[in-house]
Protein backbone atom coordinates (compact mmCIF):
# COMPACT_ATOMS: atom_id res chain seq x y z
CA MET A 1 -28.21 24.13 -30.72
CA ARG A 2 -31.75 25.47 -31.17
CA THR A 3 -32.96 22.01 -32.16
CA HIS A 4 -31.54 20.57 -28.93
CA LEU A 5 -33.26 23.29 -26.87
CA ARG A 6 -36.59 22.64 -28.61
CA ILE A 7 -36.31 18.91 -28.02
CA ALA A 8 -35.40 19.48 -24.38
CA ALA A 9 -38.28 21.91 -23.90
CA ALA A 10 -40.70 19.48 -25.55
CA GLY A 11 -39.43 16.68 -23.32
CA LEU A 12 -39.92 18.78 -20.19
CA ALA A 13 -43.46 19.70 -21.26
CA VAL A 14 -44.37 16.04 -21.82
CA ALA A 15 -42.84 15.07 -18.48
CA ALA A 16 -44.77 17.83 -16.68
CA LEU A 17 -48.05 16.82 -18.29
CA GLY A 18 -47.44 13.17 -17.53
CA GLY A 19 -46.61 13.95 -13.91
CA GLY A 20 -49.81 15.96 -13.57
CA ALA A 21 -51.84 13.11 -15.01
CA ILE A 22 -50.27 10.67 -12.56
CA ALA A 23 -50.98 13.00 -9.62
CA ALA A 24 -54.60 13.44 -10.73
CA ALA A 25 -55.10 9.71 -11.21
CA SER A 26 -53.65 8.92 -7.80
CA GLY A 27 -55.56 11.65 -6.05
CA GLY A 28 -52.34 13.51 -5.34
CA SER A 29 -53.74 16.89 -6.28
CA GLY A 30 -57.19 16.45 -4.72
CA GLY A 31 -58.27 16.74 -1.14
CA GLY A 32 -56.60 18.85 1.49
CA PRO A 33 -57.95 21.27 4.04
CA ASN A 34 -59.70 23.64 1.65
CA ARG A 35 -60.45 21.31 -1.24
CA LEU A 36 -63.17 18.76 -1.58
CA ASP A 37 -61.88 15.29 -2.47
CA ASP A 38 -65.21 13.49 -3.03
CA GLY A 39 -68.77 14.76 -3.24
CA THR A 40 -68.34 17.87 -5.36
CA ASP A 41 -71.72 17.16 -6.95
CA LEU A 42 -73.33 17.54 -3.50
CA LEU A 43 -71.68 20.89 -2.72
CA PRO A 44 -74.63 23.02 -3.92
CA GLN A 45 -76.78 21.33 -1.24
CA ALA A 46 -74.41 22.24 1.61
CA LYS A 47 -75.08 25.39 3.63
CA LEU A 48 -71.59 25.37 5.19
CA THR A 49 -68.43 26.23 3.31
CA ILE A 50 -65.48 23.85 3.36
CA PRO A 51 -63.44 26.11 5.69
CA GLU A 52 -66.43 26.31 8.09
CA ALA A 53 -66.71 22.51 8.10
CA VAL A 54 -62.98 22.16 8.80
CA THR A 55 -63.21 24.65 11.69
CA ALA A 56 -66.15 22.73 13.16
CA ALA A 57 -64.28 19.43 12.80
CA GLN A 58 -61.30 20.88 14.66
CA THR A 59 -63.50 21.34 17.73
CA ALA A 60 -63.85 17.54 17.94
CA ALA A 61 -60.30 16.45 17.13
CA SER A 62 -56.82 17.86 16.73
CA GLY A 63 -54.10 17.13 14.26
CA LYS A 64 -53.25 17.58 10.63
CA ILE A 65 -56.18 18.12 8.29
CA GLY A 66 -56.39 15.47 5.58
CA GLU A 67 -59.11 14.78 3.06
CA VAL A 68 -62.45 16.53 3.10
CA ASP A 69 -65.40 14.68 1.56
CA LEU A 70 -69.09 15.46 1.27
CA GLU A 71 -71.39 12.47 1.68
CA HIS A 72 -74.66 11.18 3.11
CA TYR A 73 -74.48 9.76 6.62
CA SER A 74 -77.45 8.63 8.74
CA GLY A 75 -79.91 10.44 6.51
CA ARG A 76 -78.09 13.78 6.44
CA LEU A 77 -75.51 15.49 4.29
CA VAL A 78 -72.18 15.71 6.11
CA PHE A 79 -68.64 16.84 5.53
CA ASN A 80 -66.29 14.00 6.45
CA VAL A 81 -63.08 15.70 7.56
CA ASP A 82 -59.93 13.75 8.38
CA VAL A 83 -58.39 15.43 11.43
CA GLY A 84 -55.32 13.69 12.75
CA ASP A 85 -56.32 10.06 13.25
CA LYS A 86 -60.06 10.85 13.41
CA ASP A 87 -62.86 10.95 10.86
CA VAL A 88 -65.07 13.84 11.93
CA LYS A 89 -68.51 14.14 10.40
CA VAL A 90 -69.94 17.67 10.35
CA ASP A 91 -73.58 18.34 9.42
CA ALA A 92 -73.43 20.33 6.18
CA ALA A 93 -76.53 22.33 7.11
CA THR A 94 -75.93 23.19 10.77
CA GLY A 95 -72.21 22.78 11.40
CA ALA A 96 -72.84 20.36 14.26
CA VAL A 97 -70.37 17.54 14.75
CA VAL A 98 -72.45 14.39 14.42
CA ALA A 99 -69.70 11.75 14.72
CA SER A 100 -66.00 11.37 15.41
CA THR A 101 -64.42 7.98 14.91
CA SER A 102 -60.90 6.60 14.55
CA ASP A 103 -59.68 6.83 10.97
CA ASP A 104 -58.79 3.44 9.55
């Protein structure tokens, strides 16, 4: 009986680790309203926090918050926040919305 429990526990552990690896590889655990999906290496250069960027983006569009990225756009560092069906670019230094386009 104990052998069966150990085998079952080991199987569950392997399944959990495998599922986590699949989610990480597919981007399932990244992104979201308070997590940076891409551009983590640029974060030290940003003056805004991620929640501040999301709040600024919500002034330009409404809807569910999707991925948040940090990238260069038109010579400036911006947070690219998916809000509903819009891509909202927020200046990472000032918090100004610099662009809002349809998300494709």
